[in-house]
Protein backbone atom coordinates (compact mmCIF):
# COMPACT_ATOMS: atom_id res chain seq x y z
CA MET A 1 0.00 0.00 0.00
CA GLN A 2 1.44 3.36 -1.04
CA SER A 3 1.46 5.94 1.76
CA LEU A 4 2.33 9.62 2.05
CA CYS A 5 2.84 11.83 5.09
CA ARG A 6 1.16 15.18 4.47
CA ASP A 7 3.30 16.90 7.09
CA CYS A 8 6.84 15.94 6.05
CA LEU A 9 6.03 14.47 2.57
CA THR A 10 7.77 11.17 3.29
CA GLN A 11 6.69 8.26 1.05
CA PHE A 12 6.53 4.84 2.69
CA ASP A 13 4.64 1.56 2.90
CA THR A 14 1.39 1.23 4.83
CA GLY A 15 1.32 2.62 8.34
CA ARG A 16 -0.96 4.62 10.59
CA ARG A 17 1.80 7.07 11.39
CA CYS A 18 4.65 8.52 9.37
CA THR A 19 7.83 6.47 9.68
CA ALA A 20 9.91 9.65 9.59
CA CYS A 21 8.11 12.24 11.76
CA GLY A 22 5.41 10.19 13.50
CA SER A 23 2.56 12.34 12.18
CA PRO A 24 -0.89 10.70 11.96
CA ARG A 25 -1.73 12.78 8.87
CA VAL A 26 -1.08 9.91 6.49
CA THR A 27 -2.84 9.14 3.20
CA SER A 28 -2.65 5.54 1.99
CA HIS A 29 -4.06 4.07 -1.22
CA PRO A 30 -2.99 1.41 -3.76
CA GLU A 31 -3.24 3.96 -6.63
CA LEU A 32 -1.98 6.98 -4.69
CA PHE A 33 1.04 7.70 -6.88
CA GLY A 34 -0.58 6.91 -10.23
CA LEU A 35 -3.59 9.29 -10.28
CA THR A 36 -3.29 12.73 -11.87
CA ILE A 37 -6.63 14.61 -11.78
CA ALA A 38 -7.19 16.70 -8.66
CA HIS A 39 -9.67 19.12 -7.16
CA MET A 40 -8.35 21.52 -4.52
CA ASP A 41 -10.87 23.39 -2.36
CA CYS A 42 -9.89 25.90 0.32
CA ASP A 43 -11.52 25.32 3.71
CA ALA A 44 -14.15 28.00 4.54
CA PHE A 45 -12.01 30.40 2.49
CA TYR A 46 -13.48 33.84 3.29
CA ALA A 47 -13.82 33.01 6.99
CA ALA A 48 -10.29 31.58 7.04
CA VAL A 49 -8.88 34.84 5.63
CA GLU A 50 -10.76 36.88 8.26
CA LYS A 51 -9.49 34.64 11.09
CA ARG A 52 -5.96 34.85 9.73
CA ASP A 53 -6.09 38.65 9.66
CA ASN A 54 -7.84 38.98 13.04
CA PRO A 55 -6.52 36.43 15.56
CA ASP A 56 -9.27 37.45 18.03
CA LEU A 57 -11.71 35.56 15.77
CA ARG A 58 -9.71 32.34 15.81
CA ASP A 59 -11.86 30.37 18.28
CA LYS A 60 -15.17 32.10 17.52
CA PRO A 61 -17.96 31.16 15.09
CA VAL A 62 -17.59 33.51 12.12
CA ILE A 63 -20.15 34.20 9.41
CA ILE A 64 -19.31 36.23 6.31
CA GLY A 65 -22.35 38.12 5.05
CA GLY A 66 -24.53 41.20 5.32
CA GLY A 67 -27.33 42.33 7.62
CA ARG A 68 -30.23 40.23 8.87
CA ARG A 69 -31.90 40.35 5.44
CA GLY A 70 -28.80 39.12 3.63
CA VAL A 71 -27.53 35.60 3.15
CA VAL A 72 -24.51 33.70 4.45
CA SER A 73 -21.59 33.89 2.06
CA THR A 74 -19.30 31.60 4.07
CA ALA A 75 -19.36 30.17 7.58
CA CYS A 76 -16.39 28.83 9.48
CA TYR A 77 -16.45 25.25 10.71
CA ILE A 78 -17.37 26.27 14.27
CA ALA A 79 -20.54 27.93 12.91
CA ARG A 80 -21.20 24.98 10.60
CA ILE A 81 -21.36 22.66 13.60
CA LYS A 82 -24.40 24.70 14.69
CA GLY A 83 -26.03 24.12 11.28
CA VAL A 84 -25.05 27.34 9.51
CA LYS A 85 -24.59 26.86 5.75
CA SER A 86 -23.66 28.98 2.75
CA ALA A 87 -26.62 30.74 1.07
CA MET A 88 -28.72 30.41 4.26
CA PRO A 89 -30.73 33.55 5.16
CA MET A 90 -28.81 35.51 7.78
CA PHE A 91 -31.70 35.69 10.24
CA GLN A 92 -31.92 31.89 10.19
CA ALA A 93 -28.16 31.51 10.65
CA LEU A 94 -28.23 33.81 13.69
CA LYS A 95 -31.06 31.81 15.23
CA LEU A 96 -28.93 28.69 14.94
CA CYS A 97 -25.77 30.42 16.13
CA PRO A 98 -26.65 33.68 17.96
CA GLU A 99 -23.11 34.03 19.32
CA ALA A 100 -21.62 34.21 15.80
CA VAL A 101 -19.47 37.15 14.77
CA VAL A 102 -20.81 38.51 11.47
CA VAL A 103 -18.16 40.03 9.21
CA ARG A 104 -18.82 41.89 5.98
CA GLY A 105 -16.80 40.40 3.14
CA ARG A 106 -13.64 42.03 1.79
CA MET A 107 -13.65 40.82 -1.78
CA ASP A 108 -10.48 42.68 -2.75
CA VAL A 109 -8.55 40.83 -0.03
CA TYR A 110 -10.01 37.45 -1.02
CA VAL A 111 -9.10 38.08 -4.66
CA SER A 112 -5.53 38.94 -3.65
CA VAL A 113 -5.12 35.74 -1.60
CA SER A 114 -6.70 33.72 -4.41
CA ARG A 115 -4.10 35.06 -6.83
CA GLU A 116 -1.31 33.97 -4.50
CA ILE A 117 -2.76 30.45 -4.35
CA ARG A 118 -3.16 30.40 -8.12
CA ALA A 119 0.51 31.37 -8.54
CA MET A 120 1.50 28.38 -6.38
CA MET A 121 -0.65 26.10 -8.56
CA GLU A 122 0.99 27.48 -11.70
CA GLU A 123 4.32 26.18 -10.41
CA LEU A 124 2.89 22.65 -10.48
CA THR A 125 1.04 22.56 -13.80
CA PRO A 126 -0.30 24.85 -16.52
CA SER A 127 -3.50 22.75 -16.66
CA ILE A 128 -5.62 24.58 -14.10
CA GLU A 129 -9.38 25.13 -14.31
CA PRO A 130 -10.55 27.60 -11.63
CA LEU A 131 -14.16 27.16 -10.49
CA SER A 132 -14.15 30.11 -8.09
CA LEU A 133 -11.70 32.11 -5.99
CA ASP A 134 -11.13 29.18 -3.65
CA GLU A 135 -11.29 26.02 -5.74
CA ALA A 136 -9.88 24.61 -8.97
CA PHE A 137 -9.26 21.43 -10.92
CA LEU A 138 -5.66 20.53 -11.72
CA ASP A 139 -4.34 18.01 -14.25
CA LEU A 140 -0.83 16.92 -13.27
CA SER A 141 -0.41 14.36 -16.07
CA GLY A 142 3.20 14.23 -17.24
CA THR A 143 4.56 16.41 -14.42
CA GLN A 144 6.35 13.70 -12.43
CA ARG A 145 9.57 13.94 -14.42
CA LEU A 146 9.53 17.74 -14.14
CA HIS A 147 9.11 17.79 -10.35
CA GLY A 148 10.80 14.52 -9.49
CA ALA A 149 7.78 13.42 -7.46
CA PRO A 150 4.31 11.97 -8.12
CA PRO A 151 1.28 14.33 -8.36
CA ALA A 152 0.06 13.28 -4.87
CA VAL A 153 3.30 14.52 -3.31
CA MET A 154 3.12 17.83 -5.17
CA LEU A 155 -0.49 18.37 -4.08
CA ALA A 156 0.41 17.69 -0.44
CA ARG A 157 3.30 20.12 -0.83
CA LEU A 158 0.89 22.73 -2.25
CA THR A 159 -1.52 22.59 0.70
CA ARG A 160 1.37 22.58 3.19
CA ARG A 161 2.83 25.66 1.52
CA MET A 162 -0.58 27.42 1.49
CA GLU A 163 -0.90 26.83 5.21
CA ARG A 164 2.64 27.91 6.08
CA GLU A 165 2.94 30.94 3.80
CA LEU A 166 -0.65 32.19 3.56
CA GLY A 167 -2.32 30.80 6.67
CA ILE A 168 -5.02 29.15 4.52
CA THR A 169 -5.85 25.44 4.58
CA GLY A 170 -7.21 23.38 1.71
CA SER A 171 -8.61 19.92 1.01
CA VAL A 172 -7.57 17.78 -1.95
CA GLY A 173 -9.48 15.17 -3.92
CA LEU A 174 -7.36 12.95 -6.22
CA SER A 175 -8.83 10.57 -8.80
CA HIS A 176 -8.89 9.59 -12.46
CA ASN A 177 -11.49 12.17 -13.60
CA LYS A 178 -12.98 15.52 -12.62
CA PHE A 179 -16.27 14.21 -11.26
CA LEU A 180 -14.63 11.85 -8.80
CA ALA A 181 -11.87 14.32 -7.86
CA LYS A 182 -14.49 16.87 -6.80
CA VAL A 183 -16.44 14.23 -4.87
CA ALA A 184 -13.22 13.16 -3.12
CA SER A 185 -12.30 16.69 -2.02
CA ASP A 186 -15.47 16.86 0.11
CA LEU A 187 -14.92 13.57 1.90
CA ASP A 188 -12.51 14.67 4.63
CA LYS A 189 -12.76 18.43 5.21
CA PRO A 190 -11.02 20.41 6.55
CA ARG A 191 -7.33 19.75 5.75
CA GLY A 192 -8.31 16.56 3.95
CA PHE A 193 -6.67 14.49 1.24
CA SER A 194 -8.94 11.80 -0.20
CA VAL A 195 -8.40 9.39 -3.08
CA ILE A 196 -10.86 7.51 -5.29
CA GLY A 197 -9.05 5.00 -7.52
CA LYS A 198 -10.20 3.35 -10.72
CA ALA A 199 -10.49 -0.12 -9.19
CA GLU A 200 -12.83 1.00 -6.42
CA THR A 201 -15.02 3.43 -8.40
CA ALA A 202 -18.04 1.14 -8.88
CA ASP A 203 -18.10 -0.02 -5.26
CA PHE A 204 -17.57 3.50 -3.96
CA LEU A 205 -20.50 4.99 -5.91
CA LYS A 206 -22.94 2.10 -5.58
CA ASP A 207 -24.94 3.22 -2.55
CA LYS A 208 -24.09 6.92 -2.61
CA PRO A 209 -26.93 9.48 -3.09
CA VAL A 210 -27.16 11.10 -6.52
CA ARG A 211 -26.99 14.52 -4.88
CA LEU A 212 -23.21 13.95 -4.88
CA ILE A 213 -23.33 14.96 -8.54
CA TRP A 214 -22.23 18.56 -8.90
CA GLY A 215 -25.13 20.54 -10.38
CA VAL A 216 -27.95 18.39 -9.03
CA GLY A 217 -29.92 21.00 -7.12
CA THR A 218 -33.34 21.02 -5.50
CA ALA A 219 -35.29 20.95 -8.78
CA SER A 220 -33.16 18.17 -10.30
CA GLN A 221 -33.33 16.15 -7.09
CA ALA A 222 -37.14 16.43 -7.12
CA ALA A 223 -37.28 15.18 -10.73
CA LEU A 224 -34.98 12.25 -9.89
CA ASP A 225 -37.01 11.40 -6.77
CA LYS A 226 -40.15 11.34 -8.88
CA ALA A 227 -38.47 8.75 -11.13
CA GLY A 228 -37.42 6.69 -8.10
CA ILE A 229 -33.75 7.60 -8.47
CA ARG A 230 -32.07 8.37 -5.16
CA THR A 231 -28.78 6.47 -5.33
CA PHE A 232 -26.28 5.53 -8.02
CA SER A 233 -27.57 1.96 -7.78
CA ASP A 234 -30.98 3.29 -8.83
CA LEU A 235 -29.37 4.97 -11.82
CA LEU A 236 -27.61 1.76 -12.87
CA ARG A 237 -30.99 0.06 -13.31
CA TRP A 238 -31.97 2.47 -16.08
CA GLU A 239 -31.12 1.98 -19.74
CA ARG A 240 -29.23 4.84 -21.33
CA ASP A 241 -31.98 5.56 -23.90
CA ASP A 242 -34.64 5.65 -21.19
CA LEU A 243 -32.64 8.17 -19.14
CA ILE A 244 -32.20 10.38 -22.21
CA ALA A 245 -35.91 10.13 -23.03
CA ARG A 246 -36.80 11.13 -19.46
CA PHE A 247 -34.16 13.78 -18.72
CA GLY A 248 -32.74 14.83 -22.11
CA SER A 249 -28.99 15.55 -22.29
CA MET A 250 -28.80 15.36 -18.50
CA GLY A 251 -29.91 11.71 -18.79
CA ASP A 252 -26.88 10.85 -20.91
CA ARG A 253 -24.58 12.51 -18.38
CA LEU A 254 -26.26 10.66 -15.53
CA TRP A 255 -25.76 7.31 -17.30
CA HIS A 256 -22.01 7.92 -17.59
CA LEU A 257 -21.57 9.33 -14.09
CA ALA A 258 -23.40 6.33 -12.59
CA ARG A 259 -20.48 4.29 -13.93
CA GLY A 260 -17.87 6.77 -12.71
CA GLN A 261 -17.17 7.96 -16.28
CA ASP A 262 -16.34 11.61 -16.97
CA ARG A 263 -14.46 12.52 -20.15
CA ARG A 264 -14.34 16.25 -19.51
CA ARG A 265 -10.83 17.64 -19.69
CA VAL A 266 -9.34 20.13 -17.28
CA THR A 267 -9.77 23.29 -19.35
CA ARG A 268 -7.52 26.21 -18.52
CA ASN A 269 -9.62 28.94 -20.13
CA ALA A 270 -13.18 27.71 -19.83
CA PRO A 271 -15.47 30.33 -21.41
CA MET A 272 -17.33 32.56 -18.95
CA LYS A 273 -21.06 32.64 -19.69
CA SER A 274 -22.19 35.52 -17.48
CA VAL A 275 -21.14 37.97 -14.76
CA SER A 276 -23.54 39.37 -12.17
CA ASN A 277 -23.87 41.06 -8.78
CA GLU A 278 -26.85 41.31 -6.47
CA THR A 279 -27.79 42.69 -3.07
CA THR A 280 -30.46 41.83 -0.49
CA PHE A 281 -32.00 44.75 1.39
CA TYR A 282 -32.38 44.97 5.16
CA GLU A 283 -36.00 46.07 4.62
CA ASP A 284 -38.24 45.73 1.56
CA THR A 285 -38.22 48.96 -0.41
CA ALA A 286 -39.99 50.58 -3.36
CA ASP A 287 -38.16 53.91 -3.00
CA PRO A 288 -36.98 54.75 -6.55
CA ASP A 289 -34.04 56.84 -5.33
CA VAL A 290 -32.75 54.09 -3.04
CA LEU A 291 -33.16 51.48 -5.76
CA ASP A 292 -31.53 53.76 -8.34
CA GLY A 293 -28.48 54.06 -6.09
CA HIS A 294 -28.24 50.28 -5.80
CA ILE A 295 -28.57 49.85 -9.58
CA TRP A 296 -25.65 52.23 -10.08
CA ARG A 297 -23.43 50.61 -7.45
CA LEU A 298 -24.10 47.12 -8.83
CA SER A 299 -23.47 48.34 -12.40
CA GLU A 300 -20.19 49.96 -11.37
CA LYS A 301 -19.06 46.84 -9.50
CA LEU A 302 -20.03 44.73 -12.52
CA SER A 303 -18.13 47.04 -14.84
CA ASP A 304 -15.02 46.81 -12.65
CA ARG A 305 -15.13 42.99 -12.87
CA LEU A 306 -15.55 43.08 -16.65
CA LYS A 307 -12.68 45.52 -17.09
CA ALA A 308 -10.44 43.49 -14.79
CA LYS A 309 -11.05 40.37 -16.89
CA ASP A 310 -10.86 42.31 -20.18
CA ILE A 311 -14.30 41.08 -21.28
CA ALA A 312 -17.70 42.59 -22.11
CA GLY A 313 -21.31 41.46 -22.36
CA ARG A 314 -24.03 41.98 -24.95
CA VAL A 315 -27.09 41.07 -22.84
CA VAL A 316 -27.96 43.12 -19.74
CA THR A 317 -30.19 41.46 -17.13
CA LEU A 318 -32.07 42.96 -14.18
CA LYS A 319 -33.20 40.63 -11.40
CA LEU A 320 -35.76 41.65 -8.77
CA LYS A 321 -37.24 39.66 -5.90
CA ARG A 322 -40.48 40.84 -4.32
CA ALA A 323 -41.43 40.69 -0.65
CA ASN A 324 -43.22 37.37 -1.25
CA HIS A 325 -39.96 35.95 -2.73
CA ALA A 326 -41.40 35.89 -6.27
CA SER A 327 -38.66 36.71 -8.78
CA LEU A 328 -38.82 39.02 -11.78
CA THR A 329 -36.19 38.94 -14.51
CA ARG A 330 -35.89 41.45 -17.32
CA ARG A 331 -33.21 41.44 -20.02
CA VAL A 332 -32.33 43.23 -23.23
CA SER A 333 -29.72 42.67 -25.97
CA LEU A 334 -27.51 45.61 -26.92
CA HIS A 335 -26.35 46.39 -30.45
CA ASP A 336 -22.75 45.73 -29.38
CA PRO A 337 -21.15 44.41 -26.17
CA THR A 338 -20.27 46.77 -23.34
CA GLN A 339 -18.16 46.88 -20.21
CA MET A 340 -19.00 50.49 -19.34
CA ALA A 341 -20.71 51.17 -16.01
CA ASP A 342 -22.69 54.07 -17.45
CA ARG A 343 -24.16 52.00 -20.27
CA ILE A 344 -24.93 49.02 -18.02
CA TYR A 345 -26.58 51.33 -15.50
CA ARG A 346 -28.74 53.16 -18.04
CA THR A 347 -29.85 49.88 -19.59
CA ALA A 348 -30.63 48.30 -16.22
CA ARG A 349 -32.42 51.46 -15.08
CA GLY A 350 -34.60 51.33 -18.18
CA LEU A 351 -35.51 47.74 -17.37
CA PHE A 352 -36.31 48.75 -13.80
CA ASP A 353 -38.60 51.57 -14.91
CA GLY A 354 -40.79 48.98 -16.61
CA ALA A 355 -41.07 46.88 -13.44
CA ALA A 356 -40.96 49.48 -10.63
CA HIS A 357 -44.71 49.17 -10.03
CA GLU A 358 -44.19 45.53 -8.96
CA GLY A 359 -42.45 46.58 -5.72
CA PRO A 360 -41.59 46.69 -2.90
CA PHE A 361 -38.48 44.57 -3.43
CA ARG A 362 -36.18 42.61 -1.12
CA LEU A 363 -33.41 41.85 -3.65
CA LEU A 364 -31.96 43.51 -6.73
CA GLY A 365 -29.36 42.18 -9.13
CA VAL A 366 -27.64 43.32 -12.35
CA GLY A 367 -25.78 41.03 -14.74
CA VAL A 368 -24.45 40.69 -18.26
CA SER A 369 -24.20 37.63 -20.48
CA ASP A 370 -23.24 36.70 -24.05
CA ILE A 371 -19.63 37.39 -23.02
CA THR A 372 -17.07 38.55 -25.62
CA PRO A 373 -13.49 39.93 -25.57
CA ALA A 374 -13.26 43.59 -24.60
CA LYS A 375 -11.77 44.51 -27.98
CA ASP A 376 -15.23 44.02 -29.49
CA ALA A 377 -16.97 46.26 -26.94
CA ASP A 378 -18.47 49.74 -27.16
CA LEU A 379 -17.50 50.29 -30.79
CA SER A 380 -20.61 51.82 -32.35
CA GLY A 381 -21.80 54.17 -29.61
CA ASP A 382 -25.45 55.13 -29.25
CA LEU A 383 -27.00 57.14 -32.11
CA LEU A 384 -29.96 58.08 -29.90
CA ASP A 385 -27.68 59.39 -27.13
CA PRO A 386 -25.06 61.77 -28.58
CA LYS A 387 -23.50 62.36 -25.16
CA ALA A 388 -22.80 58.64 -24.58
CA GLY A 389 -19.32 58.98 -26.10
CA GLU A 390 -18.43 61.85 -23.78
CA ARG A 391 -19.56 59.90 -20.72
CA ALA A 392 -17.53 56.88 -21.85
CA LYS A 393 -14.38 59.04 -22.14
CA ALA A 394 -15.05 60.50 -18.69
CA GLU A 395 -15.47 56.99 -17.25
CA ARG A 396 -12.19 55.81 -18.75
CA ALA A 397 -10.45 58.88 -17.31
CA ALA A 398 -12.00 58.20 -13.90
CA ASP A 399 -10.78 54.59 -14.10
CA LYS A 400 -7.21 55.82 -14.54
CA ILE A 401 -7.52 58.16 -11.56
CA ARG A 402 -8.91 55.38 -9.36
CA GLU A 403 -6.14 53.05 -10.49
CA LYS A 404 -3.58 55.60 -9.34
CA PHE A 405 -5.21 57.04 -6.21
CA GLY A 406 -7.67 54.37 -5.05
CA HIS A 407 -11.26 53.41 -5.77
CA GLU A 408 -12.72 56.14 -3.52
CA ALA A 409 -10.88 58.92 -5.39
CA ILE A 410 -13.96 59.62 -7.53
CA ILE A 411 -17.54 58.81 -6.47
CA LYS A 412 -20.68 59.68 -8.40
CA GLY A 413 -23.46 61.40 -6.47
CA ARG A 414 -25.98 58.66 -7.26
CA ALA A 415 -23.69 56.16 -5.49
CA LEU A 416 -24.45 57.92 -2.18
CA ARG A 417 -28.20 57.29 -2.35
């Protein structure tokens, strides 16, 4: 049995403790040094950064999020023991864990730490597929000769380095495809390192619930329950054609995943489909001035993200949620893509004007889709708005000032509403 100490990186035969340093943090598996597809997921990333930067929070339950009407962005493991989960309404989270310290997120800090982690990954392999700031797939095929060590050793070295240099822990899943690597990374959090080999795939999946499949949400789970499919064993009883007839393209994917098959490659530059931001209000509101201020701030934040990634979007979407939780979505296609805050705001504001009578609202969101490279953006201007070009020039100039003197150097009046 191949074994690896995650503390000192010693490789040895089977044992409960490391033969070199005595650590119990040992991973053993017959295929440990032959698997190459990994999923690395930071442990409670946002909360971990806050605890790192404020040692007073170390032993306290920490929730990252907004006011009582917001939702939980991330909860540390102490809060999770009390039942707090990501995307849970804040008021519910505080009922479960009233002693929690609620911290507003610092996205700029999280992005900076994420970049440092990404740079460490780049030293291992160019085949990296980020899923978010705190998780990514890695394909380490063919890297053993380069590093002089199997992929498992390099992954253990990565998480050890993250912890020592950045104060952030991560959990690794190692397998022979992306689906199983992601499943494995959730098996032993935090600071985990789990392996699912080829030989054990069928036995491992057999009695597992289908909700393990990434992307199977509440609606999909309900449809599967209706068909009597709750475990992978249930899926194996279905013919491939019958699954496709019942669930369409998802049925074909389910048939393959039931057998532990996933041919998706780790794709370095997977195309981004959309970018969006939203906010939940402390109290329901129909005040047009308040909502206008939120539309501008969301549009500006969205524009900053598009400019940072050097991309633009052709379709602008406005999302509203009423007091009864009913959602309204409005969208419009532009003549050419944009990344300009002014244009996104004016388009979103126009969509809002057509739905303002539906208020009061508890949530508002602005997004763009049909993503293209920035070089194709904002080329034709707006024939019906002759001053659009002047505002675009002013926005570009303001961007340069903010880049030099900080984001708060220039603030529009509507942002203060």
